[in-house]
Amino acid sequence: MEPYIYCPPDVVRDLPAGDASTTFVRIPQPKTNVNWYTNVKATPSWAKELEAELGLGKTLVTFQALSPASSDSCSFTVHVRDTVPPRVYNCPSDFNVYLDDGQVKRQVN
């Protein structure tokens, strides 16, 4: 029997608002004609459990279905995004600095 494995489409998750640097991600189990527990390998290894706590960025997930004679593989990407725009706090008030006649630069403290 020729093994096959079909991965789900890419998975995109957003970081929760606030100070979170990771988020819990569940991925769909790929469809295969071999025993999931004994004949499928995953890279990274956490993918075999179909869930993980992931940080910001993209992670390539690859599954390999094995048989005694051959193998098949598939891959997809898990993308964890930060969708909260950055904020700046405690900015000083606006101020103007003027140069004296003939002055080309001035130190501002």
Protein backbone atom coordinates (compact mmCIF):
# COMPACT_ATOMS: atom_id res chain seq x y z
CA MET A 1 0.00 0.00 0.00
CA GLU A 2 1.32 3.44 -0.94
CA PRO A 3 0.96 5.77 2.02
CA TYR A 4 -0.55 9.22 1.63
CA ILE A 5 -0.91 12.21 3.91
CA TYR A 6 -2.81 15.44 3.20
CA CYS A 7 -2.13 18.48 5.35
CA PRO A 8 -4.64 21.16 6.26
CA PRO A 9 -4.25 24.69 4.86
CA ASP A 10 -2.01 27.17 6.65
CA VAL A 11 -3.16 28.15 10.14
CA VAL A 12 -3.17 31.79 11.28
CA ARG A 13 -3.68 32.83 14.92
CA ASP A 14 -3.43 36.25 16.56
CA LEU A 15 -1.68 36.92 19.84
CA PRO A 16 -4.19 37.92 22.52
CA ALA A 17 -4.34 41.63 23.35
CA GLY A 18 -2.22 42.73 26.28
CA ASP A 19 1.25 41.58 27.18
CA ALA A 20 0.93 38.03 25.83
CA SER A 21 3.97 36.76 23.94
CA THR A 22 2.49 33.32 23.14
CA THR A 23 -0.87 31.83 22.24
CA PHE A 24 -2.33 28.32 22.34
CA VAL A 25 -2.67 26.84 18.83
CA ARG A 26 -4.55 23.72 17.77
CA ILE A 27 -3.94 22.32 14.31
CA PRO A 28 -6.18 19.96 12.35
CA GLN A 29 -4.99 16.38 12.02
CA PRO A 30 -3.83 15.58 8.48
CA LYS A 31 -5.72 12.91 6.58
CA THR A 32 -3.73 9.73 6.03
CA ASN A 33 -4.17 6.05 5.23
CA VAL A 34 -1.56 4.85 7.78
CA ASN A 35 -1.77 4.48 11.55
CA TRP A 36 -1.41 7.97 13.03
CA TYR A 37 0.25 6.77 16.23
CA THR A 38 2.84 4.40 14.78
CA ASN A 39 3.42 5.45 11.17
CA VAL A 40 3.34 9.24 11.15
CA LYS A 41 6.25 11.47 12.11
CA ALA A 42 6.05 15.21 12.74
CA THR A 43 8.51 18.08 12.62
CA PRO A 44 8.55 19.89 14.97
CA SER A 45 7.77 17.04 17.33
CA TRP A 46 5.01 18.95 19.20
CA ALA A 47 2.90 18.83 16.01
CA LYS A 48 2.15 15.14 16.54
CA GLU A 49 0.09 16.24 19.59
CA LEU A 50 -1.76 18.71 17.29
CA GLU A 51 -1.42 21.58 19.75
CA ALA A 52 1.20 23.85 21.26
CA GLU A 53 1.87 27.19 22.89
CA LEU A 54 3.57 29.22 20.16
CA GLY A 55 5.22 32.60 20.01
CA LEU A 56 5.12 35.29 17.39
CA GLY A 57 6.22 34.27 13.88
CA LYS A 58 5.86 31.49 11.34
CA THR A 59 6.48 27.80 12.02
CA LEU A 60 6.75 25.24 9.23
CA VAL A 61 5.03 21.98 10.19
CA THR A 62 5.83 18.81 8.24
CA PHE A 63 4.19 15.41 8.57
CA GLN A 64 5.54 12.19 7.07
CA ALA A 65 3.45 9.04 6.55
CA LEU A 66 5.59 5.89 6.54
CA SER A 67 5.12 2.37 5.24
CA PRO A 68 7.71 -0.41 4.90
CA ALA A 69 8.19 0.38 1.20
CA SER A 70 7.76 4.14 0.86
CA SER A 71 6.64 7.39 2.42
CA ASP A 72 4.70 10.57 1.69
CA SER A 73 4.89 13.98 3.29
CA CYS A 74 3.09 17.29 3.44
CA SER A 75 3.74 20.66 5.05
CA PHE A 76 1.91 23.80 6.09
CA THR A 77 2.69 26.95 8.06
CA VAL A 78 1.39 28.10 11.44
CA HIS A 79 1.55 31.90 11.57
CA VAL A 80 1.16 33.67 14.93
CA ARG A 81 0.58 37.39 14.38
CA ASP A 82 0.66 40.46 16.59
CA THR A 83 -2.30 42.57 15.46
CA VAL A 84 -2.22 45.17 18.25
CA PRO A 85 -0.53 48.37 17.06
CA PRO A 86 2.36 49.63 19.20
CA ARG A 87 1.76 52.47 21.66
CA VAL A 88 4.11 55.12 22.99
CA TYR A 89 3.70 56.35 26.56
CA ASN A 90 5.08 59.27 28.58
CA CYS A 91 6.06 61.43 25.63
CA PRO A 92 7.13 64.99 26.48
CA SER A 93 5.00 67.90 25.30
CA ASP A 94 5.85 69.53 22.00
CA PHE A 95 8.40 72.34 22.15
CA ASN A 96 10.18 74.62 19.69
CA VAL A 97 13.91 75.23 19.43
CA TYR A 98 15.13 78.27 17.55
CA LEU A 99 18.60 78.96 16.18
CA ASP A 100 20.29 82.28 16.71
CA ASP A 101 21.35 84.29 13.66
CA GLY A 102 24.31 82.52 12.02
CA GLN A 103 23.86 79.39 14.13
CA VAL A 104 23.67 76.15 12.10
CA LYS A 105 23.11 73.67 14.91
CA ARG A 106 22.15 73.55 18.56
CA GLN A 107 22.19 70.87 21.23
CA VAL A 108 18.77 70.09 22.68
CA ASN A 109 18.49 68.45 26.11
